[in-house]
PDB file of all heavy atoms in Angstrom:
ATOM      1  N   ILE A   1     -12.374  10.406 -22.734  1.00  0.00           N
ATOM      2  CA  ILE A   1     -12.419  10.069 -24.164  1.00  0.00           C
ATOM      3  C   ILE A   1     -12.436   8.548 -24.374  1.00  0.00           C
ATOM      4  O   ILE A   1     -12.410   8.078 -25.511  1.00  0.00           O
ATOM      5  CB  ILE A   1     -11.247  10.705 -24.938  1.00  0.00           C
ATOM      6  CG1 ILE A   1      -9.897  10.130 -24.472  1.00  0.00           C
ATOM      7  CG2 ILE A   1     -11.278  12.226 -24.802  1.00  0.00           C
ATOM      8  CD1 ILE A   1      -8.703  10.605 -25.301  1.00  0.00           C
ATOM      9  N   ASN A   2     -12.471   7.826 -23.257  1.00  0.00           N
ATOM     10  CA  ASN A   2     -12.562   6.358 -23.283  1.00  0.00           C
ATOM     11  C   ASN A   2     -11.407   5.701 -24.031  1.00  0.00           C
ATOM     12  O   ASN A   2     -11.592   4.730 -24.764  1.00  0.00           O
ATOM     13  CB  ASN A   2     -13.900   5.910 -23.887  1.00  0.00           C
ATOM     14  CG  ASN A   2     -14.315   4.529 -23.414  1.00  0.00           C
ATOM     15  OD1 ASN A   2     -13.986   4.131 -22.304  1.00  0.00           O
ATOM     16  ND2 ASN A   2     -15.013   3.794 -24.259  1.00  0.00           N
ATOM     17  N   LYS A   3     -10.214   6.232 -23.814  1.00  0.00           N
ATOM     18  CA  LYS A   3      -9.012   5.630 -24.392  1.00  0.00           C
ATOM     19  C   LYS A   3      -8.546   4.487 -23.490  1.00  0.00           C
ATOM     20  O   LYS A   3      -8.339   4.682 -22.298  1.00  0.00           O
ATOM     21  CB  LYS A   3      -7.896   6.675 -24.513  1.00  0.00           C
ATOM     22  CG  LYS A   3      -6.567   6.159 -25.055  1.00  0.00           C
ATOM     23  CD  LYS A   3      -6.696   5.577 -26.452  1.00  0.00           C
ATOM     24  CE  LYS A   3      -7.171   6.577 -27.485  1.00  0.00           C
ATOM     25  NZ  LYS A   3      -7.226   5.993 -28.846  1.00  0.00           N
ATOM     26  N   PRO A   4      -8.384   3.267 -24.030  1.00  0.00           N
ATOM     27  CA  PRO A   4      -7.955   2.143 -23.194  1.00  0.00           C
ATOM     28  C   PRO A   4      -6.630   2.425 -22.478  1.00  0.00           C
ATOM     29  O   PRO A   4      -5.683   2.938 -23.087  1.00  0.00           O
ATOM     30  CB  PRO A   4      -7.798   1.003 -24.212  1.00  0.00           C
ATOM     31  CG  PRO A   4      -8.750   1.355 -25.315  1.00  0.00           C
ATOM     32  CD  PRO A   4      -8.682   2.854 -25.405  1.00  0.00           C
ATOM     33  N   VAL A   5      -6.598   2.093 -21.192  1.00  0.00           N
ATOM     34  CA  VAL A   5      -5.432   2.395 -20.354  1.00  0.00           C
ATOM     35  C   VAL A   5      -5.094   1.197 -19.475  1.00  0.00           C
ATOM     36  O   VAL A   5      -5.984   0.511 -18.971  1.00  0.00           O
ATOM     37  CB  VAL A   5      -5.703   3.631 -19.469  1.00  0.00           C
ATOM     38  CG1 VAL A   5      -4.690   3.748 -18.339  1.00  0.00           C
ATOM     39  CG2 VAL A   5      -5.670   4.910 -20.298  1.00  0.00           C
ATOM     40  N   TRP A   6      -3.794   0.956 -19.328  1.00  0.00           N
ATOM     41  CA  TRP A   6      -3.289   0.091 -18.264  1.00  0.00           C
ATOM     42  C   TRP A   6      -2.593   1.003 -17.261  1.00  0.00           C
ATOM     43  O   TRP A   6      -1.724   1.807 -17.638  1.00  0.00           O
ATOM     44  CB  TRP A   6      -2.283  -0.928 -18.786  1.00  0.00           C
ATOM     45  CG  TRP A   6      -2.828  -1.973 -19.704  1.00  0.00           C
ATOM     46  CD1 TRP A   6      -4.096  -2.047 -20.230  1.00  0.00           C
ATOM     47  CD2 TRP A   6      -2.115  -3.097 -20.220  1.00  0.00           C
ATOM     48  NE1 TRP A   6      -4.216  -3.140 -21.040  1.00  0.00           N
ATOM     49  CE2 TRP A   6      -3.013  -3.825 -21.061  1.00  0.00           C
ATOM     50  CE3 TRP A   6      -0.814  -3.581 -20.070  1.00  0.00           C
ATOM     51  CZ2 TRP A   6      -2.639  -4.978 -21.734  1.00  0.00           C
ATOM     52  CZ3 TRP A   6      -0.441  -4.729 -20.735  1.00  0.00           C
ATOM     53  CH2 TRP A   6      -1.346  -5.430 -21.558  1.00  0.00           C
ATOM     54  N   ILE A   7      -2.985   0.918 -16.007  1.00  0.00           N
ATOM     55  CA  ILE A   7      -2.340   1.699 -14.942  1.00  0.00           C
ATOM     56  C   ILE A   7      -1.219   0.868 -14.335  1.00  0.00           C
ATOM     57  O   ILE A   7      -1.404  -0.309 -14.007  1.00  0.00           O
ATOM     58  CB  ILE A   7      -3.344   2.090 -13.839  1.00  0.00           C
ATOM     59  CG1 ILE A   7      -4.465   2.974 -14.404  1.00  0.00           C
ATOM     60  CG2 ILE A   7      -2.618   2.797 -12.684  1.00  0.00           C
ATOM     61  CD1 ILE A   7      -4.037   4.373 -14.775  1.00  0.00           C
ATOM     62  N   ARG A   8      -0.053   1.497 -14.166  1.00  0.00           N
ATOM     63  CA  ARG A   8       1.088   0.823 -13.549  1.00  0.00           C
ATOM     64  C   ARG A   8       1.558   1.616 -12.334  1.00  0.00           C
ATOM     65  O   ARG A   8       1.553   2.849 -12.346  1.00  0.00           O
ATOM     66  CB  ARG A   8       2.229   0.697 -14.563  1.00  0.00           C
ATOM     67  CG  ARG A   8       1.886  -0.208 -15.737  1.00  0.00           C
ATOM     68  CD  ARG A   8       2.929  -0.108 -16.825  1.00  0.00           C
ATOM     69  NE  ARG A   8       3.216  -1.410 -17.396  1.00  0.00           N
ATOM     70  CZ  ARG A   8       4.198  -1.648 -18.266  1.00  0.00           C
ATOM     71  NH1 ARG A   8       4.999  -0.672 -18.645  1.00  0.00           N
ATOM     72  NH2 ARG A   8       4.379  -2.855 -18.745  1.00  0.00           N
ATOM     73  N   HIS A   9       1.982   0.874 -11.310  1.00  0.00           N
ATOM     74  CA  HIS A   9       2.463   1.505 -10.083  1.00  0.00           C
ATOM     75  C   HIS A   9       3.703   0.771  -9.604  1.00  0.00           C
ATOM     76  O   HIS A   9       3.653  -0.440  -9.347  1.00  0.00           O
ATOM     77  CB  HIS A   9       1.379   1.466  -9.010  1.00  0.00           C
ATOM     78  CG  HIS A   9       1.784   2.089  -7.706  1.00  0.00           C
ATOM     79  ND1 HIS A   9       2.018   3.447  -7.568  1.00  0.00           N
ATOM     80  CD2 HIS A   9       2.004   1.543  -6.473  1.00  0.00           C
ATOM     81  CE1 HIS A   9       2.358   3.712  -6.317  1.00  0.00           C
ATOM     82  NE2 HIS A   9       2.364   2.571  -5.643  1.00  0.00           N
ATOM     83  N   VAL A  10       4.815   1.491  -9.513  1.00  0.00           N
ATOM     84  CA  VAL A  10       6.057   0.891  -9.022  1.00  0.00           C
ATOM     85  C   VAL A  10       6.011   0.848  -7.497  1.00  0.00           C
ATOM     86  O   VAL A  10       5.821   1.873  -6.843  1.00  0.00           O
ATOM     87  CB  VAL A  10       7.294   1.684  -9.500  1.00  0.00           C
ATOM     88  CG1 VAL A  10       8.570   1.040  -8.972  1.00  0.00           C
ATOM     89  CG2 VAL A  10       7.328   1.748 -11.022  1.00  0.00           C
ATOM     90  N   LEU A  11       6.175  -0.353  -6.952  1.00  0.00           N
ATOM     91  CA  LEU A  11       6.090  -0.547  -5.507  1.00  0.00           C
ATOM     92  C   LEU A  11       7.484  -0.464  -4.893  1.00  0.00           C
ATOM     93  O   LEU A  11       8.327  -1.338  -5.106  1.00  0.00           O
ATOM     94  CB  LEU A  11       5.456  -1.905  -5.198  1.00  0.00           C
ATOM     95  CG  LEU A  11       5.057  -2.143  -3.741  1.00  0.00           C
ATOM     96  CD1 LEU A  11       3.872  -1.259  -3.368  1.00  0.00           C
ATOM     97  CD2 LEU A  11       4.732  -3.612  -3.504  1.00  0.00           C
ATOM     98  N   VAL A  12       7.717   0.607  -4.129  1.00  0.00           N
ATOM     99  CA  VAL A  12       9.023   0.847  -3.518  1.00  0.00           C
ATOM    100  C   VAL A  12       8.870   0.930  -1.995  1.00  0.00           C
ATOM    101  O   VAL A  12       8.148   1.800  -1.497  1.00  0.00           O
ATOM    102  CB  VAL A  12       9.648   2.172  -4.017  1.00  0.00           C
ATOM    103  CG1 VAL A  12      11.082   2.313  -3.503  1.00  0.00           C
ATOM    104  CG2 VAL A  12       9.594   2.270  -5.527  1.00  0.00           C
ATOM    105  N   PRO A  13       9.524   0.052  -1.251  1.00  0.00           N
ATOM    106  CA  PRO A  13       9.478   0.142   0.212  1.00  0.00           C
ATOM    107  C   PRO A  13       9.910   1.535   0.694  1.00  0.00           C
ATOM    108  O   PRO A  13      10.811   2.151   0.118  1.00  0.00           O
ATOM    109  CB  PRO A  13      10.482  -0.926   0.668  1.00  0.00           C
ATOM    110  CG  PRO A  13      10.476  -1.929  -0.446  1.00  0.00           C
ATOM    111  CD  PRO A  13      10.315  -1.108  -1.704  1.00  0.00           C
ATOM    112  N   GLN A  14       9.201   2.032   1.719  1.00  0.00           N
ATOM    113  CA  GLN A  14       9.493   3.338   2.333  1.00  0.00           C
ATOM    114  C   GLN A  14       9.167   4.523   1.411  1.00  0.00           C
ATOM    115  O   GLN A  14       9.437   5.675   1.761  1.00  0.00           O
ATOM    116  CB  GLN A  14      10.958   3.438   2.768  1.00  0.00           C
ATOM    117  CG  GLN A  14      11.393   2.342   3.731  1.00  0.00           C
ATOM    118  CD  GLN A  14      12.865   2.438   4.081  1.00  0.00           C
ATOM    119  OE1 GLN A  14      13.405   3.538   4.271  1.00  0.00           O
ATOM    120  NE2 GLN A  14      13.541   1.290   4.168  1.00  0.00           N
ATOM    121  N   ARG A  15       8.614   4.252   0.240  1.00  0.00           N
ATOM    122  CA  ARG A  15       8.306   5.337  -0.690  1.00  0.00           C
ATOM    123  C   ARG A  15       6.869   5.260  -1.222  1.00  0.00           C
ATOM    124  O   ARG A  15       6.133   6.231  -1.144  1.00  0.00           O
ATOM    125  CB  ARG A  15       9.278   5.337  -1.886  1.00  0.00           C
ATOM    126  CG  ARG A  15      10.730   5.616  -1.543  1.00  0.00           C
ATOM    127  CD  ARG A  15      10.944   7.017  -1.037  1.00  0.00           C
ATOM    128  NE  ARG A  15      12.355   7.350  -0.917  1.00  0.00           N
ATOM    129  CZ  ARG A  15      13.118   7.059   0.133  1.00  0.00           C
ATOM    130  NH1 ARG A  15      12.594   6.400   1.165  1.00  0.00           N
ATOM    131  NH2 ARG A  15      14.387   7.412   0.165  1.00  0.00           N
ATOM    132  N   THR A  16       6.478   4.113  -1.776  1.00  0.00           N
ATOM    133  CA  THR A  16       5.180   4.045  -2.468  1.00  0.00           C
ATOM    134  C   THR A  16       4.310   2.880  -2.016  1.00  0.00           C
ATOM    135  O   THR A  16       3.320   2.576  -2.677  1.00  0.00           O
ATOM    136  CB  THR A  16       5.389   3.922  -3.994  1.00  0.00           C
ATOM    137  OG1 THR A  16       5.935   2.618  -4.294  1.00  0.00           O
ATOM    138  CG2 THR A  16       6.316   4.983  -4.531  1.00  0.00           C
ATOM    139  N   ASP A  17       4.666   2.237  -0.901  1.00  0.00           N
ATOM    140  CA  ASP A  17       3.934   1.021  -0.533  1.00  0.00           C
ATOM    141  C   ASP A  17       3.095   1.163   0.736  1.00  0.00           C
ATOM    142  O   ASP A  17       2.652   0.165   1.313  1.00  0.00           O
ATOM    143  CB  ASP A  17       4.902  -0.156  -0.387  1.00  0.00           C
ATOM    144  CG  ASP A  17       5.783  -0.054   0.859  1.00  0.00           C
ATOM    145  OD1 ASP A  17       5.970   1.079   1.355  1.00  0.00           O
ATOM    146  OD2 ASP A  17       6.262  -1.100   1.325  1.00  0.00           O
ATOM    147  N   GLU A  18       2.830   2.402   1.181  1.00  0.00           N
ATOM    148  CA  GLU A  18       1.996   2.598   2.364  1.00  0.00           C
ATOM    149  C   GLU A  18       0.538   2.293   2.019  1.00  0.00           C
ATOM    150  O   GLU A  18       0.007   2.791   1.030  1.00  0.00           O
ATOM    151  CB  GLU A  18       2.124   4.031   2.871  1.00  0.00           C
ATOM    152  CG  GLU A  18       3.508   4.384   3.400  1.00  0.00           C
ATOM    153  CD  GLU A  18       3.604   5.848   3.796  1.00  0.00           C
ATOM    154  OE1 GLU A  18       3.116   6.188   4.885  1.00  0.00           O
ATOM    155  OE2 GLU A  18       4.139   6.644   3.010  1.00  0.00           O
ATOM    156  N   ASP A  19      -0.107   1.523   2.870  1.00  0.00           N
ATOM    157  CA  ASP A  19      -1.480   1.096   2.601  1.00  0.00           C
ATOM    158  C   ASP A  19      -2.432   2.270   2.385  1.00  0.00           C
ATOM    159  O   ASP A  19      -3.315   2.222   1.520  1.00  0.00           O
ATOM    160  CB  ASP A  19      -2.002   0.230   3.751  1.00  0.00           C
ATOM    161  CG  ASP A  19      -1.427  -1.180   3.721  1.00  0.00           C
ATOM    162  OD1 ASP A  19      -0.498  -1.417   2.916  1.00  0.00           O
ATOM    163  OD2 ASP A  19      -1.901  -2.038   4.486  1.00  0.00           O
ATOM    164  N   ILE A  20      -2.268   3.333   3.168  1.00  0.00           N
ATOM    165  CA  ILE A  20      -3.182   4.465   3.070  1.00  0.00           C
ATOM    166  C   ILE A  20      -3.168   5.070   1.657  1.00  0.00           C
ATOM    167  O   ILE A  20      -4.208   5.435   1.111  1.00  0.00           O
ATOM    168  CB  ILE A  20      -2.850   5.546   4.133  1.00  0.00           C
ATOM    169  CG1 ILE A  20      -3.887   6.669   4.084  1.00  0.00           C
ATOM    170  CG2 ILE A  20      -1.435   6.086   3.959  1.00  0.00           C
ATOM    171  CD1 ILE A  20      -3.723   7.691   5.208  1.00  0.00           C
ATOM    172  N   PHE A  21      -1.991   5.111   1.058  1.00  0.00           N
ATOM    173  CA  PHE A  21      -1.888   5.694  -0.281  1.00  0.00           C
ATOM    174  C   PHE A  21      -2.243   4.679  -1.369  1.00  0.00           C
ATOM    175  O   PHE A  21      -2.765   5.052  -2.418  1.00  0.00           O
ATOM    176  CB  PHE A  21      -0.494   6.271  -0.500  1.00  0.00           C
ATOM    177  CG  PHE A  21      -0.193   7.421   0.419  1.00  0.00           C
ATOM    178  CD1 PHE A  21       0.862   7.354   1.312  1.00  0.00           C
ATOM    179  CD2 PHE A  21      -0.981   8.561   0.410  1.00  0.00           C
ATOM    180  CE1 PHE A  21       1.135   8.408   2.175  1.00  0.00           C
ATOM    181  CE2 PHE A  21      -0.721   9.627   1.264  1.00  0.00           C
ATOM    182  CZ  PHE A  21       0.338   9.547   2.150  1.00  0.00           C
ATOM    183  N   LEU A  22      -1.972   3.411  -1.119  1.00  0.00           N
ATOM    184  CA  LEU A  22      -2.403   2.379  -2.062  1.00  0.00           C
ATOM    185  C   LEU A  22      -3.928   2.363  -2.153  1.00  0.00           C
ATOM    186  O   LEU A  22      -4.497   2.232  -3.246  1.00  0.00           O
ATOM    187  CB  LEU A  22      -1.883   1.010  -1.629  1.00  0.00           C
ATOM    188  CG  LEU A  22      -0.365   0.785  -1.756  1.00  0.00           C
ATOM    189  CD1 LEU A  22       0.020  -0.543  -1.122  1.00  0.00           C
ATOM    190  CD2 LEU A  22       0.082   0.826  -3.213  1.00  0.00           C
ATOM    191  N   LYS A  23      -4.600   2.531  -1.008  1.00  0.00           N
ATOM    192  CA  LYS A  23      -6.069   2.562  -0.993  1.00  0.00           C
ATOM    193  C   LYS A  23      -6.589   3.814  -1.700  1.00  0.00           C
ATOM    194  O   LYS A  23      -7.599   3.767  -2.411  1.00  0.00           O
ATOM    195  CB  LYS A  23      -6.577   2.493   0.443  1.00  0.00           C
ATOM    196  CG  LYS A  23      -6.341   1.144   1.094  1.00  0.00           C
ATOM    197  CD  LYS A  23      -6.723   1.147   2.567  1.00  0.00           C
ATOM    198  CE  LYS A  23      -6.444  -0.212   3.216  1.00  0.00           C
ATOM    199  NZ  LYS A  23      -6.722  -0.202   4.677  1.00  0.00           N
ATOM    200  N   GLU A  24      -5.888   4.929  -1.507  1.00  0.00           N
ATOM    201  CA  GLU A  24      -6.281   6.169  -2.184  1.00  0.00           C
ATOM    202  C   GLU A  24      -6.113   6.030  -3.696  1.00  0.00           C
ATOM    203  O   GLU A  24      -6.965   6.483  -4.478  1.00  0.00           O
ATOM    204  CB  GLU A  24      -5.440   7.337  -1.662  1.00  0.00           C
ATOM    205  CG  GLU A  24      -5.924   8.698  -2.135  1.00  0.00           C
ATOM    206  CD  GLU A  24      -5.127   9.841  -1.533  1.00  0.00           C
ATOM    207  OE1 GLU A  24      -4.513   9.634  -0.454  1.00  0.00           O
ATOM    208  OE2 GLU A  24      -5.129  10.938  -2.134  1.00  0.00           O
ATOM    209  N   LEU A  25      -5.024   5.396  -4.109  1.00  0.00           N
ATOM    210  CA  LEU A  25      -4.803   5.160  -5.538  1.00  0.00           C
ATOM    211  C   LEU A  25      -5.865   4.225  -6.095  1.00  0.00           C
ATOM    212  O   LEU A  25      -6.395   4.449  -7.194  1.00  0.00           O
ATOM    213  CB  LEU A  25      -3.407   4.569  -5.762  1.00  0.00           C
ATOM    214  CG  LEU A  25      -3.059   4.167  -7.194  1.00  0.00           C
ATOM    215  CD1 LEU A  25      -3.185   5.351  -8.150  1.00  0.00           C
ATOM    216  CD2 LEU A  25      -1.649   3.573  -7.254  1.00  0.00           C
ATOM    217  N   SER A  26      -6.204   3.185  -5.345  1.00  0.00           N
ATOM    218  CA  SER A  26      -7.243   2.250  -5.777  1.00  0.00           C
ATOM    219  C   SER A  26      -8.570   2.964  -5.965  1.00  0.00           C
ATOM    220  O   SER A  26      -9.297   2.713  -6.941  1.00  0.00           O
ATOM    221  CB  SER A  26      -7.391   1.122  -4.755  1.00  0.00           C
ATOM    222  OG  SER A  26      -8.358   0.193  -5.172  1.00  0.00           O
ATOM    223  N   GLN A  27      -8.897   3.869  -5.052  1.00  0.00           N
ATOM    224  CA  GLN A  27     -10.141   4.634  -5.167  1.00  0.00           C
ATOM    225  C   GLN A  27     -10.127   5.509  -6.413  1.00  0.00           C
ATOM    226  O   GLN A  27     -11.125   5.594  -7.142  1.00  0.00           O
ATOM    227  CB  GLN A  27     -10.343   5.495  -3.917  1.00  0.00           C
ATOM    228  CG  GLN A  27     -11.582   6.375  -3.959  1.00  0.00           C
ATOM    229  CD  GLN A  27     -12.875   5.600  -4.093  1.00  0.00           C
ATOM    230  OE1 GLN A  27     -13.019   4.511  -3.521  1.00  0.00           O
ATOM    231  NE2 GLN A  27     -13.827   6.135  -4.852  1.00  0.00           N
ATOM    232  N   PHE A  28      -8.998   6.147  -6.663  1.00  0.00           N
ATOM    233  CA  PHE A  28      -8.875   6.996  -7.857  1.00  0.00           C
ATOM    234  C   PHE A  28      -9.084   6.169  -9.126  1.00  0.00           C
ATOM    235  O   PHE A  28      -9.825   6.560 -10.029  1.00  0.00           O
ATOM    236  CB  PHE A  28      -7.501   7.667  -7.886  1.00  0.00           C
ATOM    237  CG  PHE A  28      -7.244   8.472  -9.126  1.00  0.00           C
ATOM    238  CD1 PHE A  28      -7.775   9.743  -9.269  1.00  0.00           C
ATOM    239  CD2 PHE A  28      -6.476   7.950 -10.167  1.00  0.00           C
ATOM    240  CE1 PHE A  28      -7.553  10.499 -10.418  1.00  0.00           C
ATOM    241  CE2 PHE A  28      -6.246   8.691 -11.316  1.00  0.00           C
ATOM    242  CZ  PHE A  28      -6.787   9.963 -11.442  1.00  0.00           C
ATOM    243  N   ILE A  29      -8.438   5.004  -9.184  1.00  0.00           N
ATOM    244  CA  ILE A  29      -8.554   4.149 -10.366  1.00  0.00           C
ATOM    245  C   ILE A  29      -9.991   3.681 -10.560  1.00  0.00           C
ATOM    246  O   ILE A  29     -10.481   3.593 -11.689  1.00  0.00           O
ATOM    247  CB  ILE A  29      -7.596   2.942 -10.241  1.00  0.00           C
ATOM    248  CG1 ILE A  29      -6.138   3.418 -10.293  1.00  0.00           C
ATOM    249  CG2 ILE A  29      -7.854   1.922 -11.351  1.00  0.00           C
ATOM    250  CD1 ILE A  29      -5.128   2.334  -9.982  1.00  0.00           C
ATOM    251  N   SER A  30     -10.685   3.405  -9.448  1.00  0.00           N
ATOM    252  CA  SER A  30     -12.062   2.899  -9.540  1.00  0.00           C
ATOM    253  C   SER A  30     -13.008   3.921 -10.159  1.00  0.00           C
ATOM    254  O   SER A  30     -14.072   3.557 -10.665  1.00  0.00           O
ATOM    255  CB  SER A  30     -12.567   2.505  -8.149  1.00  0.00           C
ATOM    256  OG  SER A  30     -12.841   3.643  -7.345  1.00  0.00           O
ATOM    257  N   GLU A  31     -12.620   5.185 -10.128  1.00  0.00           N
ATOM    258  CA  GLU A  31     -13.466   6.243 -10.687  1.00  0.00           C
ATOM    259  C   GLU A  31     -13.232   6.447 -12.187  1.00  0.00           C
ATOM    260  O   GLU A  31     -13.942   7.214 -12.831  1.00  0.00           O
ATOM    261  CB  GLU A  31     -13.219   7.547  -9.929  1.00  0.00           C
ATOM    262  CG  GLU A  31     -13.636   7.472  -8.455  1.00  0.00           C
ATOM    263  CD  GLU A  31     -13.136   8.637  -7.632  1.00  0.00           C
ATOM    264  OE1 GLU A  31     -12.488   9.541  -8.220  1.00  0.00           O
ATOM    265  OE2 GLU A  31     -13.376   8.644  -6.408  1.00  0.00           O
ATOM    266  N   LEU A  32     -12.238   5.761 -12.736  1.00  0.00           N
ATOM    267  CA  LEU A  32     -11.956   5.838 -14.166  1.00  0.00           C
ATOM    268  C   LEU A  32     -12.704   4.720 -14.878  1.00  0.00           C
ATOM    269  O   LEU A  32     -12.780   3.598 -14.382  1.00  0.00           O
ATOM    270  CB  LEU A  32     -10.450   5.717 -14.420  1.00  0.00           C
ATOM    271  CG  LEU A  32      -9.545   6.695 -13.668  1.00  0.00           C
ATOM    272  CD1 LEU A  32      -8.078   6.346 -13.910  1.00  0.00           C
ATOM    273  CD2 LEU A  32      -9.835   8.137 -14.071  1.00  0.00           C
ATOM    274  N   LYS A  33     -13.241   5.007 -16.048  1.00  0.00           N
ATOM    275  CA  LYS A  33     -14.079   4.012 -16.746  1.00  0.00           C
ATOM    276  C   LYS A  33     -13.346   3.288 -17.872  1.00  0.00           C
ATOM    277  O   LYS A  33     -13.930   2.440 -18.548  1.00  0.00           O
ATOM    278  CB  LYS A  33     -15.319   4.697 -17.320  1.00  0.00           C
ATOM    279  CG  LYS A  33     -15.011   5.754 -18.385  1.00  0.00           C
ATOM    280  CD  LYS A  33     -16.287   6.425 -18.875  1.00  0.00           C
ATOM    281  CE  LYS A  33     -15.980   7.451 -19.970  1.00  0.00           C
ATOM    282  NZ  LYS A  33     -17.197   8.137 -20.452  1.00  0.00           N
ATOM    283  N   ASN A  34     -12.073   3.608 -18.074  1.00  0.00           N
ATOM    284  CA  ASN A  34     -11.354   3.096 -19.248  1.00  0.00           C
ATOM    285  C   ASN A  34     -10.193   2.174 -18.908  1.00  0.00           C
ATOM    286  O   ASN A  34      -9.421   1.785 -19.782  1.00  0.00           O
ATOM    287  CB  ASN A  34     -10.803   4.278 -20.054  1.00  0.00           C
ATOM    288  CG  ASN A  34      -9.844   5.127 -19.233  1.00  0.00           C
ATOM    289  OD1 ASN A  34      -9.989   5.250 -18.014  1.00  0.00           O
ATOM    290  ND2 ASN A  34      -8.877   5.723 -19.888  1.00  0.00           N
ATOM    291  N   VAL A  35     -10.034   1.834 -17.620  1.00  0.00           N
ATOM    292  CA  VAL A  35      -8.874   1.049 -17.186  1.00  0.00           C
ATOM    293  C   VAL A  35      -9.116  -0.431 -17.479  1.00  0.00           C
ATOM    294  O   VAL A  35     -10.030  -1.049 -16.935  1.00  0.00           O
ATOM    295  CB  VAL A  35      -8.585   1.259 -15.694  1.00  0.00           C
ATOM    296  CG1 VAL A  35      -7.412   0.395 -15.248  1.00  0.00           C
ATOM    297  CG2 VAL A  35      -8.283   2.730 -15.418  1.00  0.00           C
ATOM    298  N   GLU A  36      -8.281  -0.997 -18.330  1.00  0.00           N
ATOM    299  CA  GLU A  36      -8.399  -2.400 -18.690  1.00  0.00           C
ATOM    300  C   GLU A  36      -7.587  -3.310 -17.767  1.00  0.00           C
ATOM    301  O   GLU A  36      -7.926  -4.487 -17.596  1.00  0.00           O
ATOM    302  CB  GLU A  36      -7.909  -2.616 -20.126  1.00  0.00           C
ATOM    303  CG  GLU A  36      -8.767  -1.955 -21.188  1.00  0.00           C
ATOM    304  CD  GLU A  36      -8.334  -2.309 -22.594  1.00  0.00           C
ATOM    305  OE1 GLU A  36      -7.203  -2.817 -22.764  1.00  0.00           O
ATOM    306  OE2 GLU A  36      -9.117  -2.079 -23.525  1.00  0.00           O
TER     307      GLU A  36
END
């Protein structure tokens, strides 16, 4: 629906900062057309 969005990601050691998942998240975000 092209609603403007800011994506936020909390970076937590041992929980959310593994490169493999950061890259997967980056790929997901790149497929969205509304992220400002």
